[in-house]
Amino acid sequence: RIIAQGDKAESFFIVESGEVKIMIKSKTVTVKDANQEVEIARCEKGQYFGELALVTNKPRAASVYAVGVVKCLVMDVQAFERLLGPCMDIMKRNITHYEEQLVALFGSSMDLINPGN
């Protein structure tokens, strides 16, 4: 596991090689095991993940797992903020779109707001 849902956000990741899967625990999805995760996305070489929690200053909304061998560039929050600079406002606007997509999939944003509960 690279990221655990509910953890504090301290880094941003860019996939250099391999593939990762992004999984979320959702209380709105009917499953036998309440802790079962549902795959919501995958990232491959050149794609990134971990920005949602850094931009919103909230705990991680999802867990991320390596699919086989993966190599990622890891950037701490200070470097992430320096890199984005004035683009941070654009990222914050895009976060609303990400949340809308997850609400469409899972029916509620409650798990995004309080992922540890």
PDB file of N, CA and C in Angstrom:
ATOM      1  N   ARG A   1       0.854  -1.185   0.000  1.00  0.00           N
ATOM      2  CA  ARG A   1       0.000   0.000   0.000  1.00  0.00           C
ATOM      3  C   ARG A   1       0.891   1.236   0.000  1.00  0.00           C
ATOM      4  N   ILE A   2       0.540   2.204  -0.837  1.00  0.00           N
ATOM      5  CA  ILE A   2       1.302   3.446  -0.947  1.00  0.00           C
ATOM      6  C   ILE A   2       0.665   4.525  -0.083  1.00  0.00           C
ATOM      7  N   ILE A   3      -0.658   4.602  -0.118  1.00  0.00           N
ATOM      8  CA  ILE A   3      -1.433   5.573   0.666  1.00  0.00           C
ATOM      9  C   ILE A   3      -2.578   4.813   1.330  1.00  0.00           C
ATOM     10  N   ALA A   4      -2.897   5.189   2.579  1.00  0.00           N
ATOM     11  CA  ALA A   4      -4.044   4.606   3.278  1.00  0.00           C
ATOM     12  C   ALA A   4      -5.142   5.655   3.436  1.00  0.00           C
ATOM     13  N   GLN A   5      -6.366   5.282   3.109  1.00  0.00           N
ATOM     14  CA  GLN A   5      -7.509   6.176   3.269  1.00  0.00           C
ATOM     15  C   GLN A   5      -7.585   6.638   4.716  1.00  0.00           C
ATOM     16  N   GLY A   6      -7.775   7.955   4.910  1.00  0.00           N
ATOM     17  CA  GLY A   6      -7.885   8.518   6.249  1.00  0.00           C
ATOM     18  C   GLY A   6      -6.583   9.061   6.803  1.00  0.00           C
ATOM     19  N   ASP A   7      -5.440   8.703   6.193  1.00  0.00           N
ATOM     20  CA  ASP A   7      -4.144   9.206   6.665  1.00  0.00           C
ATOM     21  C   ASP A   7      -3.977  10.685   6.357  1.00  0.00           C
ATOM     22  N   LYS A   8      -3.103  11.323   7.105  1.00  0.00           N
ATOM     23  CA  LYS A   8      -2.736  12.713   6.851  1.00  0.00           C
ATOM     24  C   LYS A   8      -1.954  12.777   5.538  1.00  0.00           C
ATOM     25  N   ALA A   9      -2.202  13.821   4.756  1.00  0.00           N
ATOM     26  CA  ALA A   9      -1.522  13.987   3.469  1.00  0.00           C
ATOM     27  C   ALA A   9      -0.198  14.713   3.651  1.00  0.00           C
ATOM     28  N   GLU A  10       0.873  14.075   3.209  1.00  0.00           N
ATOM     29  CA  GLU A  10       2.199  14.684   3.306  1.00  0.00           C
ATOM     30  C   GLU A  10       2.955  14.661   1.992  1.00  0.00           C
ATOM     31  N   SER A  11       2.431  13.953   0.973  1.00  0.00           N
ATOM     32  CA  SER A  11       3.163  13.797  -0.282  1.00  0.00           C
ATOM     33  C   SER A  11       2.226  13.727  -1.481  1.00  0.00           C
ATOM     34  N   PHE A  12       2.823  13.996  -2.640  1.00  0.00           N
ATOM     35  CA  PHE A  12       2.189  13.913  -3.949  1.00  0.00           C
ATOM     36  C   PHE A  12       3.012  12.906  -4.751  1.00  0.00           C
ATOM     37  N   PHE A  13       2.384  12.123  -5.606  1.00  0.00           N
ATOM     38  CA  PHE A  13       3.077  11.044  -6.302  1.00  0.00           C
ATOM     39  C   PHE A  13       2.858  11.126  -7.811  1.00  0.00           C
ATOM     40  N   ILE A  14       3.936  10.871  -8.563  1.00  0.00           N
ATOM     41  CA  ILE A  14       3.860  10.749 -10.017  1.00  0.00           C
ATOM     42  C   ILE A  14       4.369   9.351 -10.364  1.00  0.00           C
ATOM     43  N   VAL A  15       3.591   8.604 -11.123  1.00  0.00           N
ATOM     44  CA  VAL A  15       3.983   7.239 -11.489  1.00  0.00           C
ATOM     45  C   VAL A  15       5.067   7.307 -12.565  1.00  0.00           C
ATOM     46  N   GLU A  16       6.252   6.771 -12.245  1.00  0.00           N
ATOM     47  CA  GLU A  16       7.355   6.718 -13.212  1.00  0.00           C
ATOM     48  C   GLU A  16       7.287   5.447 -14.049  1.00  0.00           C
ATOM     49  N   SER A  17       6.891   4.344 -13.422  1.00  0.00           N
ATOM     50  CA  SER A  17       6.711   3.086 -14.149  1.00  0.00           C
ATOM     51  C   SER A  17       5.751   2.203 -13.359  1.00  0.00           C
ATOM     52  N   GLY A  18       5.076   1.327 -14.077  1.00  0.00           N
ATOM     53  CA  GLY A  18       4.117   0.443 -13.434  1.00  0.00           C
ATOM     54  C   GLY A  18       2.728   1.056 -13.374  1.00  0.00           C
ATOM     55  N   GLU A  19       1.934   0.522 -12.463  1.00  0.00           N
ATOM     56  CA  GLU A  19       0.537   0.929 -12.354  1.00  0.00           C
ATOM     57  C   GLU A  19       0.083   0.851 -10.902  1.00  0.00           C
ATOM     58  N   VAL A  20      -0.802   1.767 -10.515  1.00  0.00           N
ATOM     59  CA  VAL A  20      -1.402   1.738  -9.180  1.00  0.00           C
ATOM     60  C   VAL A  20      -2.918   1.710  -9.333  1.00  0.00           C
ATOM     61  N   LYS A  21      -3.578   1.169  -8.301  1.00  0.00           N
ATOM     62  CA  LYS A  21      -5.039   1.215  -8.285  1.00  0.00           C
ATOM     63  C   LYS A  21      -5.476   2.031  -7.085  1.00  0.00           C
ATOM     64  N   ILE A  22      -6.516   2.824  -7.289  1.00  0.00           N
ATOM     65  CA  ILE A  22      -7.047   3.704  -6.257  1.00  0.00           C
ATOM     66  C   ILE A  22      -8.351   3.085  -5.765  1.00  0.00           C
ATOM     67  N   MET A  23      -8.409   2.870  -4.456  1.00  0.00           N
ATOM     68  CA  MET A  23      -9.529   2.160  -3.836  1.00  0.00           C
ATOM     69  C   MET A  23     -10.148   3.037  -2.746  1.00  0.00           C
ATOM     70  N   ILE A  24     -11.470   2.922  -2.580  1.00  0.00           N
ATOM     71  CA  ILE A  24     -12.152   3.694  -1.547  1.00  0.00           C
ATOM     72  C   ILE A  24     -13.102   2.788  -0.765  1.00  0.00           C
ATOM     73  N   LYS A  25     -13.140   3.011   0.552  1.00  0.00           N
ATOM     74  CA  LYS A  25     -14.141   2.352   1.397  1.00  0.00           C
ATOM     75  C   LYS A  25     -15.360   3.255   1.366  1.00  0.00           C
ATOM     76  N   SER A  26     -16.488   2.708   1.055  1.00  0.00           N
ATOM     77  CA  SER A  26     -17.695   3.526   0.988  1.00  0.00           C
ATOM     78  C   SER A  26     -18.813   2.909   1.795  1.00  0.00           C
ATOM     79  N   LYS A  27     -19.363   3.688   2.696  1.00  0.00           N
ATOM     80  CA  LYS A  27     -20.485   3.230   3.515  1.00  0.00           C
ATOM     81  C   LYS A  27     -21.769   3.177   2.699  1.00  0.00           C
ATOM     82  N   THR A  28     -21.766   3.801   1.522  1.00  0.00           N
ATOM     83  CA  THR A  28     -22.983   3.824   0.708  1.00  0.00           C
ATOM     84  C   THR A  28     -23.057   2.650  -0.261  1.00  0.00           C
ATOM     85  N   VAL A  29     -21.964   1.890  -0.390  1.00  0.00           N
ATOM     86  CA  VAL A  29     -21.962   0.719  -1.262  1.00  0.00           C
ATOM     87  C   VAL A  29     -22.327  -0.500  -0.427  1.00  0.00           C
ATOM     88  N   THR A  30     -23.277  -1.287  -0.881  1.00  0.00           N
ATOM     89  CA  THR A  30     -23.698  -2.475  -0.145  1.00  0.00           C
ATOM     90  C   THR A  30     -22.703  -3.602  -0.403  1.00  0.00           C
ATOM     91  N   VAL A  31     -21.995  -3.993   0.643  1.00  0.00           N
ATOM     92  CA  VAL A  31     -21.035  -5.092   0.563  1.00  0.00           C
ATOM     93  C   VAL A  31     -21.165  -5.932   1.820  1.00  0.00           C
ATOM     94  N   LYS A  32     -20.707  -7.168   1.754  1.00  0.00           N
ATOM     95  CA  LYS A  32     -20.767  -8.046   2.926  1.00  0.00           C
ATOM     96  C   LYS A  32     -19.869  -7.535   4.038  1.00  0.00           C
ATOM     97  N   ASP A  33     -18.692  -7.070   3.675  1.00  0.00           N
ATOM     98  CA  ASP A  33     -17.710  -6.584   4.645  1.00  0.00           C
ATOM     99  C   ASP A  33     -17.662  -5.065   4.553  1.00  0.00           C
ATOM    100  N   ALA A  34     -17.986  -4.375   5.636  1.00  0.00           N
ATOM    101  CA  ALA A  34     -18.015  -2.909   5.637  1.00  0.00           C
ATOM    102  C   ALA A  34     -16.661  -2.301   5.301  1.00  0.00           C
ATOM    103  N   ASN A  35     -15.574  -3.044   5.505  1.00  0.00           N
ATOM    104  CA  ASN A  35     -14.239  -2.528   5.203  1.00  0.00           C
ATOM    105  C   ASN A  35     -13.775  -2.860   3.793  1.00  0.00           C
ATOM    106  N   GLN A  36     -14.611  -3.505   3.006  1.00  0.00           N
ATOM    107  CA  GLN A  36     -14.224  -3.842   1.637  1.00  0.00           C
ATOM    108  C   GLN A  36     -14.070  -2.566   0.822  1.00  0.00           C
ATOM    109  N   GLU A  37     -13.038  -2.531  -0.013  1.00  0.00           N
ATOM    110  CA  GLU A  37     -12.772  -1.359  -0.833  1.00  0.00           C
ATOM    111  C   GLU A  37     -13.240  -1.599  -2.266  1.00  0.00           C
ATOM    112  N   VAL A  38     -13.580  -0.499  -2.931  1.00  0.00           N
ATOM    113  CA  VAL A  38     -14.029  -0.534  -4.313  1.00  0.00           C
ATOM    114  C   VAL A  38     -13.022   0.243  -5.151  1.00  0.00           C
ATOM    115  N   GLU A  39     -12.590  -0.332  -6.266  1.00  0.00           N
ATOM    116  CA  GLU A  39     -11.640   0.357  -7.148  1.00  0.00           C
ATOM    117  C   GLU A  39     -12.356   1.476  -7.885  1.00  0.00           C
ATOM    118  N   ILE A  40     -11.773   2.684  -7.827  1.00  0.00           N
ATOM    119  CA  ILE A  40     -12.385   3.821  -8.513  1.00  0.00           C
ATOM    120  C   ILE A  40     -11.545   4.331  -9.678  1.00  0.00           C
ATOM    121  N   ALA A  41     -10.246   3.986  -9.705  1.00  0.00           N
ATOM    122  CA  ALA A  41      -9.389   4.463 -10.796  1.00  0.00           C
ATOM    123  C   ALA A  41      -8.065   3.715 -10.787  1.00  0.00           C
ATOM    124  N   ARG A  42      -7.322   3.881 -11.882  1.00  0.00           N
ATOM    125  CA  ARG A  42      -5.946   3.378 -11.985  1.00  0.00           C
ATOM    126  C   ARG A  42      -5.089   4.485 -12.575  1.00  0.00           C
ATOM    127  N   CYS A  43      -3.824   4.493 -12.203  1.00  0.00           N
ATOM    128  CA  CYS A  43      -2.860   5.450 -12.751  1.00  0.00           C
ATOM    129  C   CYS A  43      -1.674   4.679 -13.305  1.00  0.00           C
ATOM    130  N   GLU A  44      -1.191   5.117 -14.469  1.00  0.00           N
ATOM    131  CA  GLU A  44      -0.044   4.506 -15.119  1.00  0.00           C
ATOM    132  C   GLU A  44       1.054   5.549 -15.290  1.00  0.00           C
ATOM    133  N   LYS A  45       2.128   5.154 -15.963  1.00  0.00           N
ATOM    134  CA  LYS A  45       3.279   6.026 -16.182  1.00  0.00           C
ATOM    135  C   LYS A  45       2.843   7.418 -16.649  1.00  0.00           C
ATOM    136  N   GLY A  46       3.373   8.441 -15.970  1.00  0.00           N
ATOM    137  CA  GLY A  46       3.076   9.824 -16.320  1.00  0.00           C
ATOM    138  C   GLY A  46       1.865  10.397 -15.613  1.00  0.00           C
ATOM    139  N   GLN A  47       1.054   9.555 -15.002  1.00  0.00           N
ATOM    140  CA  GLN A  47      -0.113  10.044 -14.275  1.00  0.00           C
ATOM    141  C   GLN A  47       0.255  10.262 -12.810  1.00  0.00           C
ATOM    142  N   TYR A  48      -0.603  10.968 -12.091  1.00  0.00           N
ATOM    143  CA  TYR A  48      -0.289  11.331 -10.707  1.00  0.00           C
ATOM    144  C   TYR A  48      -1.475  11.057  -9.795  1.00  0.00           C
ATOM    145  N   PHE A  49      -1.163  11.038  -8.494  1.00  0.00           N
ATOM    146  CA  PHE A  49      -2.198  10.853  -7.479  1.00  0.00           C
ATOM    147  C   PHE A  49      -1.718  11.473  -6.173  1.00  0.00           C
ATOM    148  N   GLY A  50      -2.656  11.688  -5.257  1.00  0.00           N
ATOM    149  CA  GLY A  50      -2.326  12.249  -3.951  1.00  0.00           C
ATOM    150  C   GLY A  50      -2.547  13.742  -3.839  1.00  0.00           C
ATOM    151  N   GLU A  51      -2.994  14.376  -4.915  1.00  0.00           N
ATOM    152  CA  GLU A  51      -3.169  15.827  -4.899  1.00  0.00           C
ATOM    153  C   GLU A  51      -4.423  16.269  -4.162  1.00  0.00           C
ATOM    154  N   LEU A  52      -5.463  15.443  -4.152  1.00  0.00           N
ATOM    155  CA  LEU A  52      -6.741  15.830  -3.553  1.00  0.00           C
ATOM    156  C   LEU A  52      -6.580  16.267  -2.102  1.00  0.00           C
ATOM    157  N   ALA A  53      -5.937  15.438  -1.302  1.00  0.00           N
ATOM    158  CA  ALA A  53      -5.781  15.749   0.124  1.00  0.00           C
ATOM    159  C   ALA A  53      -4.840  16.928   0.351  1.00  0.00           C
ATOM    160  N   LEU A  54      -3.836  17.094  -0.515  1.00  0.00           N
ATOM    161  CA  LEU A  54      -2.918  18.226  -0.354  1.00  0.00           C
ATOM    162  C   LEU A  54      -3.619  19.547  -0.645  1.00  0.00           C
ATOM    163  N   VAL A  55      -4.467  19.559  -1.656  1.00  0.00           N
ATOM    164  CA  VAL A  55      -5.161  20.790  -2.038  1.00  0.00           C
ATOM    165  C   VAL A  55      -6.259  21.139  -1.039  1.00  0.00           C
ATOM    166  N   THR A  56      -6.957  20.135  -0.510  1.00  0.00           N
ATOM    167  CA  THR A  56      -8.074  20.393   0.401  1.00  0.00           C
ATOM    168  C   THR A  56      -7.668  20.436   1.873  1.00  0.00           C
ATOM    169  N   ASN A  57      -6.444  20.005   2.177  1.00  0.00           N
ATOM    170  CA  ASN A  57      -5.974  19.896   3.566  1.00  0.00           C
ATOM    171  C   ASN A  57      -6.869  18.972   4.391  1.00  0.00           C
ATOM    172  N   LYS A  58      -7.363  17.914   3.754  1.00  0.00           N
ATOM    173  CA  LYS A  58      -8.183  16.903   4.426  1.00  0.00           C
ATOM    174  C   LYS A  58      -7.421  15.582   4.427  1.00  0.00           C
ATOM    175  N   PRO A  59      -7.841  14.624   5.252  1.00  0.00           N
ATOM    176  CA  PRO A  59      -7.209  13.293   5.217  1.00  0.00           C
ATOM    177  C   PRO A  59      -7.390  12.638   3.843  1.00  0.00           C
ATOM    178  N   ARG A  60      -6.578  11.644   3.571  1.00  0.00           N
ATOM    179  CA  ARG A  60      -6.647  10.925   2.297  1.00  0.00           C
ATOM    180  C   ARG A  60      -8.042  10.359   2.088  1.00  0.00           C
ATOM    181  N   ALA A  61      -8.621  10.610   0.912  1.00  0.00           N
ATOM    182  CA  ALA A  61      -9.975  10.158   0.589  1.00  0.00           C
ATOM    183  C   ALA A  61      -9.999   8.730   0.061  1.00  0.00           C
ATOM    184  N   ALA A  62      -8.822   8.184  -0.271  1.00  0.00           N
ATOM    185  CA  ALA A  62      -8.749   6.838  -0.845  1.00  0.00           C
ATOM    186  C   ALA A  62      -7.420   6.194  -0.488  1.00  0.00           C
ATOM    187  N   SER A  63      -7.365   4.885  -0.654  1.00  0.00           N
ATOM    188  CA  SER A  63      -6.105   4.148  -0.524  1.00  0.00           C
ATOM    189  C   SER A  63      -5.565   3.901  -1.925  1.00  0.00           C
ATOM    190  N   VAL A  64      -4.235   3.811  -2.027  1.00  0.00           N
ATOM    191  CA  VAL A  64      -3.593   3.545  -3.314  1.00  0.00           C
ATOM    192  C   VAL A  64      -2.656   2.358  -3.141  1.00  0.00           C
ATOM    193  N   TYR A  65      -2.768   1.395  -4.050  1.00  0.00           N
ATOM    194  CA  TYR A  65      -1.974   0.166  -3.994  1.00  0.00           C
ATOM    195  C   TYR A  65      -1.185  -0.018  -5.284  1.00  0.00           C
ATOM    196  N   ALA A  66       0.021  -0.547  -5.164  1.00  0.00           N
ATOM    197  CA  ALA A  66       0.811  -0.911  -6.335  1.00  0.00           C
ATOM    198  C   ALA A  66       0.179  -2.126  -6.999  1.00  0.00           C
ATOM    199  N   VAL A  67       0.166  -2.131  -8.320  1.00  0.00           N
ATOM    200  CA  VAL A  67      -0.244  -3.294  -9.097  1.00  0.00           C
ATOM    201  C   VAL A  67       1.050  -3.851  -9.688  1.00  0.00           C
ATOM    202  N   GLY A  68       1.648  -4.797  -9.001  1.00  0.00           N
ATOM    203  CA  GLY A  68       2.960  -5.294  -9.410  1.00  0.00           C
ATOM    204  C   GLY A  68       4.048  -4.323  -8.975  1.00  0.00           C
ATOM    205  N   VAL A  69       5.105  -4.246  -9.774  1.00  0.00           N
ATOM    206  CA  VAL A  69       6.243  -3.376  -9.459  1.00  0.00           C
ATOM    207  C   VAL A  69       5.936  -1.962  -9.937  1.00  0.00           C
ATOM    208  N   VAL A  70       6.076  -0.992  -9.035  1.00  0.00           N
ATOM    209  CA  VAL A  70       5.780   0.409  -9.337  1.00  0.00           C
ATOM    210  C   VAL A  70       6.923   1.281  -8.850  1.00  0.00           C
ATOM    211  N   LYS A  71       7.249   2.294  -9.637  1.00  0.00           N
ATOM    212  CA  LYS A  71       8.235   3.294  -9.226  1.00  0.00           C
ATOM    213  C   LYS A  71       7.554   4.656  -9.321  1.00  0.00           C
ATOM    214  N   CYS A  72       7.575   5.412  -8.205  1.00  0.00           N
ATOM    215  CA  CYS A  72       6.922   6.720  -8.159  1.00  0.00           C
ATOM    216  C   CYS A  72       7.905   7.807  -7.752  1.00  0.00           C
ATOM    217  N   LEU A  73       7.732   8.977  -8.324  1.00  0.00           N
ATOM    218  CA  LEU A  73       8.405  10.182  -7.861  1.00  0.00           C
ATOM    219  C   LEU A  73       7.548  10.707  -6.720  1.00  0.00           C
ATOM    220  N   VAL A  74       8.161  10.987  -5.577  1.00  0.00           N
ATOM    221  CA  VAL A  74       7.425  11.459  -4.408  1.00  0.00           C
ATOM    222  C   VAL A  74       7.835  12.898  -4.120  1.00  0.00           C
ATOM    223  N   MET A  75       6.837  13.762  -3.969  1.00  0.00           N
ATOM    224  CA  MET A  75       7.081  15.177  -3.723  1.00  0.00           C
ATOM    225  C   MET A  75       6.397  15.564  -2.410  1.00  0.00           C
ATOM    226  N   ASP A  76       7.143  16.207  -1.496  1.00  0.00           N
ATOM    227  CA  ASP A  76       6.520  16.620  -0.235  1.00  0.00           C
ATOM    228  C   ASP A  76       5.606  17.817  -0.470  1.00  0.00           C
ATOM    229  N   VAL A  77       4.804  18.146   0.526  1.00  0.00           N
ATOM    230  CA  VAL A  77       3.780  19.182   0.377  1.00  0.00           C
ATOM    231  C   VAL A  77       4.383  20.549   0.051  1.00  0.00           C
ATOM    232  N   GLN A  78       5.533  20.881   0.627  1.00  0.00           N
ATOM    233  CA  GLN A  78       6.160  22.174   0.342  1.00  0.00           C
ATOM    234  C   GLN A  78       6.586  22.264  -1.122  1.00  0.00           C
ATOM    235  N   ALA A  79       7.200  21.216  -1.638  1.00  0.00           N
ATOM    236  CA  ALA A  79       7.612  21.206  -3.046  1.00  0.00           C
ATOM    237  C   ALA A  79       6.388  21.241  -3.963  1.00  0.00           C
ATOM    238  N   PHE A  80       5.332  20.529  -3.573  1.00  0.00           N
ATOM    239  CA  PHE A  80       4.089  20.519  -4.343  1.00  0.00           C
ATOM    240  C   PHE A  80       3.516  21.932  -4.447  1.00  0.00           C
ATOM    241  N   GLU A  81       3.473  22.649  -3.330  1.00  0.00           N
ATOM    242  CA  GLU A  81       2.930  24.011  -3.320  1.00  0.00           C
ATOM    243  C   GLU A  81       3.803  24.966  -4.127  1.00  0.00           C
ATOM    244  N   ARG A  82       5.135  24.804  -4.043  1.00  0.00           N
ATOM    245  CA  ARG A  82       6.042  25.643  -4.845  1.00  0.00           C
ATOM    246  C   ARG A  82       5.853  25.364  -6.335  1.00  0.00           C
ATOM    247  N   LEU A  83       5.708  24.103  -6.675  1.00  0.00           N
ATOM    248  CA  LEU A  83       5.531  23.719  -8.075  1.00  0.00           C
ATOM    249  C   LEU A  83       4.249  24.313  -8.653  1.00  0.00           C
ATOM    250  N   LEU A  84       3.170  24.241  -7.905  1.00  0.00           N
ATOM    251  CA  LEU A  84       1.886  24.736  -8.398  1.00  0.00           C
ATOM    252  C   LEU A  84       1.803  26.251  -8.425  1.00  0.00           C
ATOM    253  N   GLY A  85       2.334  26.895  -7.392  1.00  0.00           N
ATOM    254  CA  GLY A  85       2.287  28.353  -7.331  1.00  0.00           C
ATOM    255  C   GLY A  85       0.895  28.878  -7.629  1.00  0.00           C
ATOM    256  N   PRO A  86       0.789  29.745  -8.655  1.00  0.00           N
ATOM    257  CA  PRO A  86      -0.509  30.346  -8.973  1.00  0.00           C
ATOM    258  C   PRO A  86      -1.533  29.354  -9.529  1.00  0.00           C
ATOM    259  N   CYS A  87      -1.102  28.177  -9.899  1.00  0.00           N
ATOM    260  CA  CYS A  87      -2.041  27.168 -10.423  1.00  0.00           C
ATOM    261  C   CYS A  87      -2.851  26.499  -9.313  1.00  0.00           C
ATOM    262  N   MET A  88      -2.494  26.781  -8.056  1.00  0.00           N
ATOM    263  CA  MET A  88      -3.203  26.167  -6.929  1.00  0.00           C
ATOM    264  C   MET A  88      -4.698  26.480  -6.988  1.00  0.00           C
ATOM    265  N   ASP A  89      -5.072  27.684  -7.393  1.00  0.00           N
ATOM    266  CA  ASP A  89      -6.491  28.038  -7.494  1.00  0.00           C
ATOM    267  C   ASP A  89      -7.214  27.168  -8.519  1.00  0.00           C
ATOM    268  N   ILE A  90      -6.539  26.864  -9.624  1.00  0.00           N
ATOM    269  CA  ILE A  90      -7.130  25.994 -10.645  1.00  0.00           C
ATOM    270  C   ILE A  90      -7.348  24.604 -10.066  1.00  0.00           C
ATOM    271  N   MET A  91      -6.350  24.105  -9.337  1.00  0.00           N
ATOM    272  CA  MET A  91      -6.478  22.785  -8.710  1.00  0.00           C
ATOM    273  C   MET A  91      -7.656  22.764  -7.743  1.00  0.00           C
ATOM    274  N   LYS A  92      -7.813  23.820  -6.946  1.00  0.00           N
ATOM    275  CA  LYS A  92      -8.912  23.866  -5.976  1.00  0.00           C
ATOM    276  C   LYS A  92     -10.263  23.829  -6.682  1.00  0.00           C
ATOM    277  N   ARG A  93     -10.375  24.489  -7.825  1.00  0.00           N
ATOM    278  CA  ARG A  93     -11.629  24.440  -8.590  1.00  0.00           C
ATOM    279  C   ARG A  93     -11.873  23.029  -9.131  1.00  0.00           C
ATOM    280  N   ASN A  94     -10.804  22.359  -9.565  1.00  0.00           N
ATOM    281  CA  ASN A  94     -10.939  21.001 -10.103  1.00  0.00           C
ATOM    282  C   ASN A  94     -11.341  20.000  -9.030  1.00  0.00           C
ATOM    283  N   ILE A  95     -10.996  20.279  -7.784  1.00  0.00           N
ATOM    284  CA  ILE A  95     -11.344  19.375  -6.691  1.00  0.00           C
ATOM    285  C   ILE A  95     -12.856  19.198  -6.622  1.00  0.00           C
ATOM    286  N   THR A  96     -13.599  20.260  -6.858  1.00  0.00           N
ATOM    287  CA  THR A  96     -15.057  20.174  -6.863  1.00  0.00           C
ATOM    288  C   THR A  96     -15.512  19.149  -7.898  1.00  0.00           C
ATOM    289  N   HIS A  97     -14.867  19.147  -9.060  1.00  0.00           N
ATOM    290  CA  HIS A  97     -15.201  18.183 -10.117  1.00  0.00           C
ATOM    291  C   HIS A  97     -14.906  16.756  -9.664  1.00  0.00           C
ATOM    292  N   TYR A  98     -13.754  16.539  -9.007  1.00  0.00           N
ATOM    293  CA  TYR A  98     -13.413  15.207  -8.495  1.00  0.00           C
ATOM    294  C   TYR A  98     -14.482  14.731  -7.515  1.00  0.00           C
ATOM    295  N   GLU A  99     -14.869  15.615  -6.606  1.00  0.00           N
ATOM    296  CA  GLU A  99     -15.873  15.242  -5.608  1.00  0.00           C
ATOM    297  C   GLU A  99     -17.210  14.919  -6.274  1.00  0.00           C
ATOM    298  N   GLU A 100     -17.576  15.677  -7.307  1.00  0.00           N
ATOM    299  CA  GLU A 100     -18.823  15.405  -8.027  1.00  0.00           C
ATOM    300  C   GLU A 100     -18.790  14.024  -8.676  1.00  0.00           C
ATOM    301  N   GLN A 101     -17.628  13.640  -9.224  1.00  0.00           N
ATOM    302  CA  GLN A 101     -17.498  12.317  -9.840  1.00  0.00           C
ATOM    303  C   GLN A 101     -17.687  11.216  -8.798  1.00  0.00           C
ATOM    304  N   LEU A 102     -17.092  11.395  -7.628  1.00  0.00           N
ATOM    305  CA  LEU A 102     -17.214  10.380  -6.582  1.00  0.00           C
ATOM    306  C   LEU A 102     -18.635  10.312  -6.034  1.00  0.00           C
ATOM    307  N   VAL A 103     -19.297  11.454  -5.931  1.00  0.00           N
ATOM    308  CA  VAL A 103     -20.694  11.455  -5.490  1.00  0.00           C
ATOM    309  C   VAL A 103     -21.548  10.706  -6.518  1.00  0.00           C
ATOM    310  N   ALA A 104     -21.262  10.905  -7.805  1.00  0.00           N
ATOM    311  CA  ALA A 104     -22.004  10.193  -8.847  1.00  0.00           C
ATOM    312  C   ALA A 104     -21.803   8.684  -8.725  1.00  0.00           C
ATOM    313  N   LEU A 105     -20.598   8.263  -8.353  1.00  0.00           N
ATOM    314  CA  LEU A 105     -20.304   6.834  -8.209  1.00  0.00           C
ATOM    315  C   LEU A 105     -20.890   6.235  -6.940  1.00  0.00           C
ATOM    316  N   PHE A 106     -20.788   6.980  -5.831  1.00  0.00           N
ATOM    317  CA  PHE A 106     -21.121   6.403  -4.528  1.00  0.00           C
ATOM    318  C   PHE A 106     -22.355   7.007  -3.868  1.00  0.00           C
ATOM    319  N   GLY A 107     -22.926   8.070  -4.453  1.00  0.00           N
ATOM    320  CA  GLY A 107     -24.173   8.610  -3.950  1.00  0.00           C
ATOM    321  C   GLY A 107     -24.049   9.597  -2.809  1.00  0.00           C
ATOM    322  N   SER A 108     -22.853   9.811  -2.269  1.00  0.00           N
ATOM    323  CA  SER A 108     -22.676  10.717  -1.134  1.00  0.00           C
ATOM    324  C   SER A 108     -21.236  11.178  -1.056  1.00  0.00           C
ATOM    325  N   SER A 109     -21.044  12.388  -0.563  1.00  0.00           N
ATOM    326  CA  SER A 109     -19.676  12.869  -0.346  1.00  0.00           C
ATOM    327  C   SER A 109     -19.260  12.700   1.107  1.00  0.00           C
ATOM    328  N   MET A 110     -20.107  12.076   1.928  1.00  0.00           N
ATOM    329  CA  MET A 110     -19.792  11.930   3.355  1.00  0.00           C
ATOM    330  C   MET A 110     -18.476  11.201   3.591  1.00  0.00           C
ATOM    331  N   ASP A 111     -18.182  10.171   2.798  1.00  0.00           N
ATOM    332  CA  ASP A 111     -16.941   9.430   2.985  1.00  0.00           C
ATOM    333  C   ASP A 111     -15.729  10.284   2.633  1.00  0.00           C
ATOM    334  N   LEU A 112     -15.906  11.263   1.749  1.00  0.00           N
ATOM    335  CA  LEU A 112     -14.805  12.154   1.398  1.00  0.00           C
ATOM    336  C   LEU A 112     -14.569  13.170   2.502  1.00  0.00           C
ATOM    337  N   ILE A 113     -15.650  13.598   3.133  1.00  0.00           N
ATOM    338  CA  ILE A 113     -15.536  14.599   4.189  1.00  0.00           C
ATOM    339  C   ILE A 113     -14.981  13.971   5.455  1.00  0.00           C
ATOM    340  N   ASN A 114     -15.438  12.788   5.807  1.00  0.00           N
ATOM    341  CA  ASN A 114     -15.011  12.090   7.022  1.00  0.00           C
ATOM    342  C   ASN A 114     -14.581  10.664   6.686  1.00  0.00           C
ATOM    343  N   PRO A 115     -13.441  10.495   5.965  1.00  0.00           N
ATOM    344  CA  PRO A 115     -13.079   9.164   5.504  1.00  0.00           C
ATOM    345  C   PRO A 115     -12.769   8.171   6.611  1.00  0.00           C
ATOM    346  N   GLY A 116     -12.448   8.627   7.793  1.00  0.00           N
ATOM    347  CA  GLY A 116     -12.083   7.710   8.872  1.00  0.00           C
ATOM    348  C   GLY A 116     -13.258   7.239   9.698  1.00  0.00           C
ATOM    349  N   ASN A 117     -14.438   7.804   9.489  1.00  0.00           N
ATOM    350  CA  ASN A 117     -15.603   7.471  10.316  1.00  0.00           C
ATOM    351  C   ASN A 117     -16.432   6.373   9.713  1.00  0.00           C
TER     352      ASN A 117
END
